[in-house]
N, C-alpha and C. Protein backbone atom coordinates (compact mmCIF):
# COMPACT_ATOMS: atom_id res chain seq x y z
N MET A 1 122.04 117.29 87.84
CA MET A 1 121.91 116.95 89.25
C MET A 1 122.82 117.83 90.12
N GLU A 2 124.00 118.17 89.57
CA GLU A 2 124.91 119.02 90.33
C GLU A 2 124.28 120.39 90.61
N LYS A 3 123.58 120.93 89.60
CA LYS A 3 122.92 122.22 89.78
C LYS A 3 121.81 122.11 90.81
N LEU A 4 121.09 120.97 90.80
CA LEU A 4 120.03 120.76 91.77
C LEU A 4 120.58 120.72 93.19
N PHE A 5 121.73 120.05 93.36
CA PHE A 5 122.35 119.99 94.68
C PHE A 5 122.82 121.37 95.13
N TYR A 6 123.29 122.16 94.18
CA TYR A 6 123.72 123.52 94.50
C TYR A 6 122.55 124.34 95.01
N VAL A 7 121.42 124.24 94.34
CA VAL A 7 120.21 124.96 94.77
C VAL A 7 119.76 124.46 96.14
N ALA A 8 119.80 123.14 96.33
CA ALA A 8 119.41 122.57 97.63
C ALA A 8 120.35 123.03 98.74
N ASP A 9 121.64 123.14 98.42
CA ASP A 9 122.61 123.61 99.41
C ASP A 9 122.30 125.05 99.81
N LEU A 10 121.98 125.90 98.83
CA LEU A 10 121.63 127.29 99.13
C LEU A 10 120.34 127.36 99.95
N PHE A 11 119.41 126.46 99.66
CA PHE A 11 118.18 126.40 100.46
C PHE A 11 118.52 126.06 101.91
N GLY A 12 119.40 125.08 102.10
CA GLY A 12 119.81 124.72 103.45
C GLY A 12 120.50 125.87 104.15
N VAL A 13 121.33 126.62 103.41
CA VAL A 13 121.99 127.80 103.98
C VAL A 13 120.95 128.80 104.46
N ALA A 14 119.94 129.05 103.63
CA ALA A 14 118.89 130.01 103.99
C ALA A 14 118.13 129.56 105.24
N VAL A 15 117.78 128.28 105.29
CA VAL A 15 117.01 127.76 106.42
C VAL A 15 117.81 127.83 107.71
N PHE A 16 119.08 127.41 107.65
CA PHE A 16 119.90 127.46 108.86
C PHE A 16 120.21 128.89 109.28
N ALA A 17 120.33 129.79 108.29
CA ALA A 17 120.52 131.20 108.62
C ALA A 17 119.31 131.73 109.37
N ILE A 18 118.13 131.29 108.97
CA ILE A 18 116.90 131.70 109.67
C ILE A 18 116.93 131.23 111.12
N THR A 19 117.36 129.99 111.33
CA THR A 19 117.41 129.49 112.72
C THR A 19 118.42 130.27 113.54
N GLY A 20 119.55 130.63 112.91
CA GLY A 20 120.55 131.44 113.63
C GLY A 20 120.00 132.81 113.97
N ALA A 21 119.29 133.43 113.03
CA ALA A 21 118.70 134.74 113.28
C ALA A 21 117.64 134.67 114.38
N LEU A 22 116.84 133.62 114.36
CA LEU A 22 115.81 133.48 115.39
C LEU A 22 116.42 133.28 116.77
N MET A 23 117.49 132.50 116.83
CA MET A 23 118.16 132.31 118.11
C MET A 23 118.76 133.62 118.60
N ALA A 24 119.33 134.39 117.68
CA ALA A 24 119.87 135.70 118.06
C ALA A 24 118.78 136.61 118.58
N GLY A 25 117.58 136.51 117.97
CA GLY A 25 116.46 137.31 118.43
C GLY A 25 116.02 136.91 119.83
N ARG A 26 116.07 135.62 120.11
CA ARG A 26 115.71 135.16 121.46
C ARG A 26 116.69 135.68 122.50
N LYS A 27 117.93 135.92 122.07
CA LYS A 27 118.95 136.43 122.98
C LYS A 27 119.08 137.95 122.91
N SER A 28 118.17 138.60 122.18
CA SER A 28 118.13 140.07 122.08
C SER A 28 119.44 140.66 121.57
N MET A 29 120.02 140.04 120.55
CA MET A 29 121.25 140.56 119.95
C MET A 29 120.95 141.72 119.01
N ASP A 30 121.98 142.54 118.73
CA ASP A 30 121.80 143.61 117.76
C ASP A 30 121.90 143.04 116.35
N LEU A 31 121.75 143.91 115.34
CA LEU A 31 121.69 143.45 113.95
C LEU A 31 122.98 142.76 113.53
N PHE A 32 124.12 143.27 114.00
CA PHE A 32 125.39 142.62 113.67
C PHE A 32 125.44 141.22 114.26
N GLY A 33 124.97 141.08 115.50
CA GLY A 33 124.93 139.78 116.13
C GLY A 33 124.03 138.81 115.39
N VAL A 34 122.91 139.32 114.87
CA VAL A 34 122.00 138.49 114.09
C VAL A 34 122.70 137.95 112.85
N LEU A 35 123.42 138.83 112.14
CA LEU A 35 124.12 138.41 110.93
C LEU A 35 125.22 137.39 111.23
N VAL A 36 125.96 137.63 112.30
CA VAL A 36 127.02 136.69 112.68
C VAL A 36 126.44 135.33 113.01
N MET A 37 125.38 135.30 113.81
CA MET A 37 124.78 134.03 114.20
C MET A 37 124.21 133.30 112.98
N ALA A 38 123.59 134.05 112.07
CA ALA A 38 123.01 133.44 110.89
C ALA A 38 124.10 132.82 110.00
N ILE A 39 125.17 133.55 109.77
CA ILE A 39 126.23 133.07 108.89
C ILE A 39 126.98 131.89 109.51
N VAL A 40 127.27 131.98 110.80
CA VAL A 40 127.96 130.88 111.48
C VAL A 40 127.11 129.61 111.46
N THR A 41 125.82 129.75 111.72
CA THR A 41 124.94 128.60 111.72
C THR A 41 124.82 127.98 110.34
N ALA A 42 124.71 128.84 109.33
CA ALA A 42 124.50 128.36 107.97
C ALA A 42 125.74 127.73 107.35
N LEU A 43 126.91 128.22 107.70
CA LEU A 43 128.13 127.81 107.01
C LEU A 43 129.12 127.02 107.86
N GLY A 44 128.85 126.91 109.16
CA GLY A 44 129.80 126.23 110.04
C GLY A 44 130.04 124.78 109.69
N GLY A 45 128.96 124.01 109.47
CA GLY A 45 129.11 122.60 109.17
C GLY A 45 129.80 122.35 107.84
N GLY A 46 129.41 123.11 106.81
CA GLY A 46 130.02 122.94 105.50
C GLY A 46 131.48 123.33 105.49
N THR A 47 131.84 124.35 106.28
CA THR A 47 133.23 124.78 106.35
C THR A 47 134.11 123.68 106.94
N LEU A 48 133.66 123.10 108.05
CA LEU A 48 134.45 122.02 108.68
C LEU A 48 134.53 120.82 107.75
N ARG A 49 133.43 120.50 107.08
CA ARG A 49 133.43 119.37 106.13
C ARG A 49 134.45 119.59 105.02
N ASP A 50 134.44 120.77 104.42
CA ASP A 50 135.37 121.05 103.32
C ASP A 50 136.82 121.02 103.79
N LEU A 51 137.09 121.51 104.99
CA LEU A 51 138.45 121.48 105.51
C LEU A 51 138.94 120.05 105.70
N ILE A 52 138.07 119.20 106.24
CA ILE A 52 138.47 117.81 106.48
C ILE A 52 138.65 117.05 105.16
N LEU A 53 137.76 117.32 104.19
CA LEU A 53 137.84 116.64 102.90
C LEU A 53 138.87 117.28 101.97
N ASP A 54 139.53 118.34 102.45
CA ASP A 54 140.54 119.05 101.68
C ASP A 54 139.97 119.67 100.40
N ASN A 55 138.73 120.16 100.50
CA ASN A 55 138.11 120.88 99.40
C ASN A 55 138.42 122.37 99.55
N HIS A 56 139.46 122.82 98.88
CA HIS A 56 139.88 124.21 99.01
C HIS A 56 139.70 124.95 97.69
N PRO A 57 139.30 126.24 97.75
CA PRO A 57 138.81 126.93 98.97
C PRO A 57 137.43 126.43 99.37
N VAL A 58 137.05 126.65 100.61
CA VAL A 58 135.75 126.19 101.10
C VAL A 58 134.65 126.92 100.34
N SER A 59 133.45 126.38 100.42
CA SER A 59 132.34 126.81 99.55
C SER A 59 132.09 128.31 99.57
N TRP A 60 132.03 128.93 100.75
CA TRP A 60 131.65 130.34 100.82
C TRP A 60 132.79 131.27 100.43
N ILE A 61 134.01 130.75 100.33
CA ILE A 61 135.13 131.56 99.86
C ILE A 61 135.16 131.59 98.33
N ARG A 62 134.90 130.44 97.71
CA ARG A 62 134.92 130.39 96.23
C ARG A 62 133.63 130.91 95.61
N ASP A 63 132.57 131.04 96.42
CA ASP A 63 131.28 131.50 95.88
C ASP A 63 130.61 132.36 96.95
N ASP A 64 130.62 133.69 96.75
CA ASP A 64 130.07 134.57 97.76
C ASP A 64 128.54 134.56 97.79
N THR A 65 127.92 133.77 96.93
CA THR A 65 126.46 133.62 96.98
C THR A 65 126.02 133.06 98.33
N TYR A 66 126.86 132.22 98.92
CA TYR A 66 126.52 131.62 100.22
C TYR A 66 126.38 132.70 101.29
N ILE A 67 127.33 133.61 101.36
CA ILE A 67 127.25 134.70 102.33
C ILE A 67 126.04 135.58 102.05
N LEU A 68 125.80 135.86 100.77
CA LEU A 68 124.68 136.71 100.38
C LEU A 68 123.34 136.09 100.79
N VAL A 69 123.18 134.80 100.50
CA VAL A 69 121.92 134.11 100.84
C VAL A 69 121.71 134.09 102.36
N ALA A 70 122.76 133.78 103.11
CA ALA A 70 122.65 133.74 104.56
C ALA A 70 122.29 135.12 105.12
N SER A 71 122.92 136.15 104.60
CA SER A 71 122.65 137.51 105.08
C SER A 71 121.23 137.95 104.75
N LEU A 72 120.79 137.69 103.52
CA LEU A 72 119.43 138.06 103.13
C LEU A 72 118.39 137.30 103.94
N ALA A 73 118.65 136.02 104.20
CA ALA A 73 117.72 135.23 105.01
C ALA A 73 117.63 135.79 106.42
N ALA A 74 118.77 136.20 106.98
CA ALA A 74 118.77 136.77 108.33
C ALA A 74 118.01 138.09 108.38
N LEU A 75 118.29 138.97 107.42
CA LEU A 75 117.60 140.26 107.40
C LEU A 75 116.11 140.09 107.11
N GLY A 76 115.79 139.14 106.24
CA GLY A 76 114.38 138.87 105.97
C GLY A 76 113.65 138.35 107.19
N THR A 77 114.35 137.55 108.00
CA THR A 77 113.75 137.03 109.23
C THR A 77 113.46 138.15 110.21
N VAL A 78 114.41 139.07 110.35
CA VAL A 78 114.22 140.21 111.24
C VAL A 78 113.02 141.03 110.79
N ALA A 79 112.93 141.31 109.49
CA ALA A 79 111.82 142.10 108.97
C ALA A 79 110.49 141.38 109.16
N TRP A 80 110.48 140.07 108.91
CA TRP A 80 109.25 139.29 109.03
C TRP A 80 108.75 139.28 110.48
N VAL A 81 109.65 139.05 111.40
CA VAL A 81 109.25 138.99 112.81
C VAL A 81 108.75 140.35 113.29
N ARG A 82 109.38 141.42 112.86
CA ARG A 82 108.97 142.76 113.30
C ARG A 82 107.63 143.16 112.69
N MET A 83 107.34 142.71 111.48
CA MET A 83 106.08 143.07 110.82
C MET A 83 104.92 142.18 111.24
N THR A 84 105.23 140.98 111.71
CA THR A 84 104.16 140.06 112.08
C THR A 84 104.20 139.80 113.57
N ARG A 85 104.72 138.68 113.95
CA ARG A 85 104.81 138.35 115.37
C ARG A 85 105.98 137.39 115.58
N PRO A 86 106.49 137.29 116.81
CA PRO A 86 107.63 136.40 117.08
C PRO A 86 107.30 134.94 116.74
N ILE A 87 108.32 134.22 116.29
CA ILE A 87 108.16 132.81 115.97
C ILE A 87 108.45 131.99 117.22
N HIS A 88 107.55 131.06 117.53
CA HIS A 88 107.71 130.25 118.74
C HIS A 88 108.88 129.28 118.60
N GLU A 89 109.30 128.73 119.72
CA GLU A 89 110.44 127.82 119.73
C GLU A 89 110.21 126.62 118.82
N LYS A 90 108.95 126.15 118.74
CA LYS A 90 108.65 125.01 117.88
C LYS A 90 108.92 125.36 116.42
N GLY A 91 108.64 126.60 116.05
CA GLY A 91 108.94 127.04 114.69
C GLY A 91 110.42 127.00 114.40
N LEU A 92 111.22 127.36 115.39
CA LEU A 92 112.68 127.30 115.26
C LEU A 92 113.13 125.86 115.05
N LEU A 93 112.56 124.94 115.81
CA LEU A 93 112.95 123.54 115.70
C LEU A 93 112.56 122.95 114.35
N ILE A 94 111.39 123.33 113.84
CA ILE A 94 110.93 122.82 112.55
C ILE A 94 111.81 123.35 111.42
N ALA A 95 112.14 124.64 111.48
CA ALA A 95 113.05 125.21 110.48
C ALA A 95 114.40 124.52 110.52
N ASP A 96 114.88 124.26 111.72
CA ASP A 96 116.15 123.57 111.89
C ASP A 96 116.10 122.17 111.28
N ALA A 97 114.95 121.50 111.40
CA ALA A 97 114.81 120.15 110.85
C ALA A 97 114.93 120.14 109.33
N PHE A 98 114.37 121.13 108.67
CA PHE A 98 114.48 121.21 107.21
C PHE A 98 115.94 121.42 106.80
N GLY A 99 116.63 122.32 107.47
CA GLY A 99 118.04 122.55 107.16
C GLY A 99 118.87 121.30 107.43
N LEU A 100 118.55 120.62 108.49
CA LEU A 100 119.27 119.40 108.86
C LEU A 100 119.16 118.35 107.75
N ALA A 101 117.96 118.19 107.20
CA ALA A 101 117.73 117.20 106.14
C ALA A 101 118.55 117.52 104.90
N VAL A 102 118.53 118.77 104.48
CA VAL A 102 119.25 119.18 103.27
C VAL A 102 120.76 119.02 103.45
N PHE A 103 121.28 119.53 104.54
CA PHE A 103 122.73 119.51 104.74
C PHE A 103 123.27 118.10 104.94
N THR A 104 122.50 117.25 105.60
CA THR A 104 122.97 115.88 105.82
C THR A 104 123.19 115.15 104.50
N VAL A 105 122.20 115.23 103.62
CA VAL A 105 122.31 114.54 102.34
C VAL A 105 123.39 115.17 101.47
N TYR A 106 123.47 116.49 101.48
CA TYR A 106 124.48 117.18 100.66
C TYR A 106 125.89 116.81 101.14
N GLY A 107 126.10 116.78 102.44
CA GLY A 107 127.41 116.42 102.97
C GLY A 107 127.78 114.99 102.66
N THR A 108 126.80 114.10 102.73
CA THR A 108 127.05 112.69 102.40
C THR A 108 127.43 112.54 100.93
N GLU A 109 126.70 113.24 100.07
CA GLU A 109 126.98 113.18 98.64
C GLU A 109 128.38 113.68 98.31
N LEU A 110 128.78 114.80 98.89
CA LEU A 110 130.12 115.33 98.63
C LEU A 110 131.21 114.36 99.09
N ALA A 111 130.98 113.74 100.23
CA ALA A 111 131.96 112.78 100.73
C ALA A 111 132.09 111.59 99.79
N LEU A 112 130.97 111.10 99.28
CA LEU A 112 131.00 109.98 98.33
C LEU A 112 131.71 110.38 97.05
N GLN A 113 131.50 111.61 96.59
CA GLN A 113 132.18 112.09 95.39
C GLN A 113 133.69 112.16 95.59
N ASN A 114 134.11 112.33 96.84
CA ASN A 114 135.54 112.37 97.15
C ASN A 114 136.12 110.98 97.38
N GLY A 115 135.31 109.95 97.18
CA GLY A 115 135.79 108.58 97.29
C GLY A 115 136.05 108.11 98.71
N THR A 116 135.36 108.67 99.68
CA THR A 116 135.56 108.27 101.07
C THR A 116 134.85 106.95 101.37
N PRO A 117 135.28 106.23 102.40
CA PRO A 117 134.55 105.03 102.83
C PRO A 117 133.16 105.40 103.33
N ILE A 118 132.31 104.40 103.45
CA ILE A 118 130.93 104.64 103.88
C ILE A 118 130.88 105.31 105.25
N SER A 119 131.70 104.83 106.18
CA SER A 119 131.67 105.39 107.53
C SER A 119 132.02 106.87 107.51
N THR A 120 133.00 107.24 106.69
CA THR A 120 133.40 108.64 106.60
C THR A 120 132.30 109.47 105.95
N ALA A 121 131.64 108.92 104.94
CA ALA A 121 130.54 109.64 104.29
C ALA A 121 129.41 109.92 105.27
N VAL A 122 129.12 108.95 106.14
CA VAL A 122 128.08 109.15 107.15
C VAL A 122 128.49 110.27 108.12
N ILE A 123 129.74 110.21 108.56
CA ILE A 123 130.24 111.22 109.50
C ILE A 123 130.20 112.61 108.87
N MET A 124 130.60 112.71 107.60
CA MET A 124 130.58 114.00 106.91
C MET A 124 129.15 114.52 106.76
N GLY A 125 128.21 113.61 106.52
CA GLY A 125 126.82 114.02 106.43
C GLY A 125 126.30 114.55 107.75
N VAL A 126 126.60 113.83 108.82
CA VAL A 126 126.18 114.27 110.15
C VAL A 126 126.86 115.59 110.51
N MET A 127 128.14 115.69 110.24
CA MET A 127 128.90 116.89 110.56
C MET A 127 128.34 118.11 109.82
N THR A 128 128.04 117.95 108.55
CA THR A 128 127.49 119.06 107.78
C THR A 128 126.16 119.51 108.35
N GLY A 129 125.38 118.54 108.84
CA GLY A 129 124.06 118.87 109.36
C GLY A 129 124.06 119.51 110.74
N VAL A 130 124.98 119.10 111.61
CA VAL A 130 124.84 119.49 113.02
C VAL A 130 125.83 120.54 113.51
N VAL A 131 126.99 120.66 112.87
CA VAL A 131 128.04 121.52 113.44
C VAL A 131 127.62 122.98 113.50
N GLY A 132 126.96 123.48 112.46
CA GLY A 132 126.51 124.87 112.49
C GLY A 132 125.59 125.14 113.66
N GLY A 133 124.67 124.22 113.91
CA GLY A 133 123.76 124.37 115.04
C GLY A 133 124.46 124.28 116.38
N VAL A 134 125.48 123.42 116.45
CA VAL A 134 126.26 123.31 117.69
C VAL A 134 126.96 124.64 117.99
N ILE A 135 127.60 125.22 116.96
CA ILE A 135 128.28 126.51 117.15
C ILE A 135 127.27 127.58 117.58
N ARG A 136 126.13 127.59 116.91
CA ARG A 136 125.07 128.54 117.25
C ARG A 136 124.66 128.43 118.71
N ASP A 137 124.40 127.21 119.15
CA ASP A 137 123.92 127.01 120.52
C ASP A 137 124.99 127.34 121.55
N VAL A 138 126.25 126.98 121.25
CA VAL A 138 127.34 127.28 122.18
C VAL A 138 127.52 128.79 122.33
N LEU A 139 127.51 129.51 121.21
CA LEU A 139 127.67 130.96 121.26
C LEU A 139 126.51 131.63 122.01
N CYS A 140 125.35 130.99 121.98
CA CYS A 140 124.17 131.54 122.66
C CYS A 140 124.00 130.96 124.06
N ASN A 141 125.03 130.25 124.54
CA ASN A 141 125.00 129.68 125.90
C ASN A 141 123.84 128.72 126.10
N GLU A 142 123.57 127.91 125.07
CA GLU A 142 122.53 126.89 125.13
C GLU A 142 123.19 125.52 125.02
N ILE A 143 122.57 124.50 125.61
CA ILE A 143 123.05 123.14 125.41
C ILE A 143 122.69 122.73 123.98
N PRO A 144 123.68 122.36 123.14
CA PRO A 144 123.37 122.00 121.76
C PRO A 144 122.34 120.89 121.66
N LEU A 145 121.46 121.00 120.65
CA LEU A 145 120.41 120.00 120.48
C LEU A 145 120.97 118.60 120.32
N ILE A 146 122.16 118.49 119.73
CA ILE A 146 122.75 117.18 119.49
C ILE A 146 123.05 116.45 120.79
N PHE A 147 123.22 117.19 121.89
CA PHE A 147 123.55 116.59 123.17
C PHE A 147 122.34 116.43 124.08
N GLN A 148 121.17 116.82 123.60
CA GLN A 148 119.97 116.68 124.40
C GLN A 148 119.28 115.37 124.06
N LYS A 149 118.20 115.08 124.76
CA LYS A 149 117.60 113.75 124.67
C LYS A 149 116.87 113.49 123.36
N GLU A 150 116.35 114.54 122.70
CA GLU A 150 115.60 114.31 121.48
C GLU A 150 116.50 113.81 120.35
N ILE A 151 115.92 112.99 119.47
CA ILE A 151 116.67 112.45 118.34
C ILE A 151 117.10 113.59 117.43
N TYR A 152 118.39 113.67 117.15
CA TYR A 152 118.92 114.73 116.30
C TYR A 152 120.00 114.16 115.38
N ALA A 153 121.16 113.88 115.93
CA ALA A 153 122.22 113.29 115.11
C ALA A 153 121.80 111.92 114.59
N THR A 154 121.00 111.20 115.37
CA THR A 154 120.52 109.88 114.94
C THR A 154 119.71 110.00 113.65
N ALA A 155 118.93 111.06 113.53
CA ALA A 155 118.17 111.29 112.31
C ALA A 155 119.10 111.50 111.12
N CYS A 156 120.20 112.21 111.35
CA CYS A 156 121.19 112.42 110.28
C CYS A 156 121.83 111.10 109.86
N ILE A 157 122.18 110.26 110.83
CA ILE A 157 122.78 108.96 110.51
C ILE A 157 121.83 108.12 109.67
N ALA A 158 120.55 108.11 110.06
CA ALA A 158 119.56 107.33 109.31
C ALA A 158 119.43 107.85 107.89
N GLY A 159 119.40 109.16 107.73
CA GLY A 159 119.29 109.73 106.40
C GLY A 159 120.51 109.46 105.54
N ALA A 160 121.69 109.59 106.12
CA ALA A 160 122.93 109.33 105.38
C ALA A 160 123.00 107.87 104.93
N LEU A 161 122.65 106.94 105.81
CA LEU A 161 122.67 105.52 105.46
C LEU A 161 121.63 105.21 104.39
N THR A 162 120.47 105.86 104.46
CA THR A 162 119.44 105.68 103.43
C THR A 162 119.97 106.11 102.07
N PHE A 163 120.61 107.27 102.04
CA PHE A 163 121.16 107.78 100.77
C PHE A 163 122.22 106.85 100.22
N ILE A 164 123.13 106.41 101.07
CA ILE A 164 124.21 105.52 100.62
C ILE A 164 123.65 104.19 100.14
N GLY A 165 122.67 103.66 100.86
CA GLY A 165 122.07 102.38 100.47
C GLY A 165 121.36 102.46 99.13
N LEU A 166 120.61 103.52 98.92
CA LEU A 166 119.90 103.68 97.65
C LEU A 166 120.86 103.92 96.49
N ARG A 167 121.95 104.67 96.76
CA ARG A 167 122.94 104.87 95.69
C ARG A 167 123.56 103.53 95.27
N ALA A 168 123.77 102.65 96.26
CA ALA A 168 124.35 101.34 95.96
C ALA A 168 123.40 100.48 95.13
N LEU A 169 122.10 100.70 95.31
CA LEU A 169 121.10 99.93 94.56
C LEU A 169 120.91 100.45 93.14
N GLY A 170 121.44 101.64 92.88
CA GLY A 170 121.35 102.18 91.53
C GLY A 170 120.01 102.82 91.20
N THR A 171 119.26 103.21 92.19
CA THR A 171 117.99 103.91 91.96
C THR A 171 118.27 105.33 91.47
N PRO A 172 117.27 105.99 90.88
CA PRO A 172 117.49 107.36 90.38
C PRO A 172 118.01 108.30 91.47
N HIS A 173 118.92 109.17 91.07
CA HIS A 173 119.57 110.06 92.04
C HIS A 173 118.56 110.94 92.75
N TRP A 174 117.57 111.44 92.03
CA TRP A 174 116.58 112.31 92.65
C TRP A 174 115.79 111.57 93.71
N LEU A 175 115.55 110.26 93.46
CA LEU A 175 114.81 109.46 94.43
C LEU A 175 115.65 109.22 95.68
N ASP A 176 116.94 108.94 95.48
CA ASP A 176 117.85 108.76 96.63
C ASP A 176 117.84 110.00 97.51
N THR A 177 117.95 111.15 96.86
CA THR A 177 118.02 112.42 97.59
C THR A 177 116.72 112.70 98.34
N ALA A 178 115.60 112.56 97.64
CA ALA A 178 114.31 112.85 98.26
C ALA A 178 114.02 111.90 99.42
N ALA A 179 114.32 110.62 99.21
CA ALA A 179 114.04 109.63 100.26
C ALA A 179 114.90 109.88 101.49
N ALA A 180 116.17 110.18 101.28
CA ALA A 180 117.08 110.41 102.41
C ALA A 180 116.68 111.67 103.18
N MET A 181 116.32 112.73 102.47
CA MET A 181 115.87 113.95 103.14
C MET A 181 114.59 113.70 103.91
N PHE A 182 113.70 112.90 103.32
CA PHE A 182 112.45 112.58 104.01
C PHE A 182 112.70 111.82 105.30
N VAL A 183 113.66 110.90 105.28
CA VAL A 183 113.97 110.12 106.48
C VAL A 183 114.46 111.04 107.60
N VAL A 184 115.38 111.94 107.26
CA VAL A 184 115.89 112.88 108.27
C VAL A 184 114.77 113.76 108.80
N LEU A 185 114.00 114.32 107.89
CA LEU A 185 112.94 115.24 108.28
C LEU A 185 111.86 114.54 109.11
N ALA A 186 111.45 113.35 108.66
CA ALA A 186 110.41 112.61 109.37
C ALA A 186 110.87 112.22 110.77
N ALA A 187 112.11 111.75 110.88
CA ALA A 187 112.63 111.35 112.18
C ALA A 187 112.71 112.53 113.13
N ARG A 188 113.18 113.65 112.61
CA ARG A 188 113.34 114.84 113.46
C ARG A 188 111.99 115.42 113.87
N LEU A 189 111.05 115.51 112.93
CA LEU A 189 109.73 116.06 113.26
C LEU A 189 108.98 115.13 114.22
N ALA A 190 109.15 113.82 114.05
CA ALA A 190 108.52 112.88 114.97
C ALA A 190 109.09 113.05 116.38
N ALA A 191 110.40 113.26 116.45
CA ALA A 191 111.04 113.46 117.76
C ALA A 191 110.53 114.74 118.42
N ILE A 192 110.33 115.79 117.61
CA ILE A 192 109.83 117.05 118.16
C ILE A 192 108.39 116.88 118.65
N HIS A 193 107.57 116.22 117.84
CA HIS A 193 106.14 116.10 118.17
C HIS A 193 105.89 115.18 119.35
N TRP A 194 106.55 114.03 119.35
CA TRP A 194 106.30 113.04 120.40
C TRP A 194 107.40 112.99 121.46
N HIS A 195 108.35 113.90 121.38
CA HIS A 195 109.45 113.96 122.35
C HIS A 195 110.20 112.62 122.41
N LEU A 196 110.50 112.08 121.23
CA LEU A 196 111.21 110.81 121.16
C LEU A 196 112.70 111.06 121.38
N GLY A 197 113.35 110.10 121.99
CA GLY A 197 114.77 110.27 122.24
C GLY A 197 115.43 108.95 122.58
N LEU A 198 116.75 108.98 122.59
CA LEU A 198 117.52 107.81 122.97
C LEU A 198 117.56 107.69 124.49
N PRO A 199 117.81 106.49 125.01
CA PRO A 199 117.93 106.34 126.47
C PRO A 199 119.05 107.22 127.01
N ARG A 200 118.83 107.78 128.17
CA ARG A 200 119.83 108.66 128.77
C ARG A 200 120.66 107.88 129.79
N PHE A 201 121.91 108.27 129.92
CA PHE A 201 122.83 107.61 130.85
C PHE A 201 122.91 108.44 132.13
N HIS A 202 122.54 107.81 133.23
CA HIS A 202 122.58 108.48 134.53
C HIS A 202 123.59 107.76 135.41
N LEU A 203 124.58 108.48 135.88
CA LEU A 203 125.57 107.91 136.78
C LEU A 203 125.08 108.12 138.21
N LEU A 204 124.68 107.03 138.85
CA LEU A 204 124.10 107.11 140.18
C LEU A 204 125.18 107.06 141.26
N ASP A 205 124.98 107.83 142.27
CA ASP A 205 125.90 107.82 143.42
C ASP A 205 125.44 106.72 144.37
N ARG A 206 126.29 105.73 144.59
CA ARG A 206 125.91 104.58 145.42
C ARG A 206 126.11 104.87 146.91
N HIS A 207 126.67 106.03 147.26
CA HIS A 207 126.92 106.29 148.67
C HIS A 207 125.72 107.02 149.28
């Protein structure tokens, strides 16, 4: 199962690197900018998670496969877009949703392995899923998706709680993982398709 999680983590790195590269393309960055955006997006959440959980060295320092996968995914995205056609914004959001599902569950699992309370495990799962995208959006002068009206972090919370609940019931680990990823992915894709979101807070001027 540990090897499976490692492969899933690399898949999440590749997917988030693709979203970073696509965002860099939308901002007309050069190739170095594409690589930076891809790596920051792919590794930002996991880096912060490892620092908080005191997992040293962080994943991409102890294993350079993470940097390699992120870089290859970014360069592959550039080549694909140039040979075919630009990917629409909806494609970016869908790719981001897949990465979000993988990273949320992986972050939750690592936190549980470190013996953290349930609340901390949920936070670590959400943090692993969203921080890379937040850094990406801030660097690109965009409002991060987590702060917009569509369901984003809420999907991570639902997935993390699903994983923790199923682990407590003693169901097979692969089922816990698949179900939790499905919850995150389904919630996020539903939000994208139907523009679902949480109520917004508007401070009205009474004068």
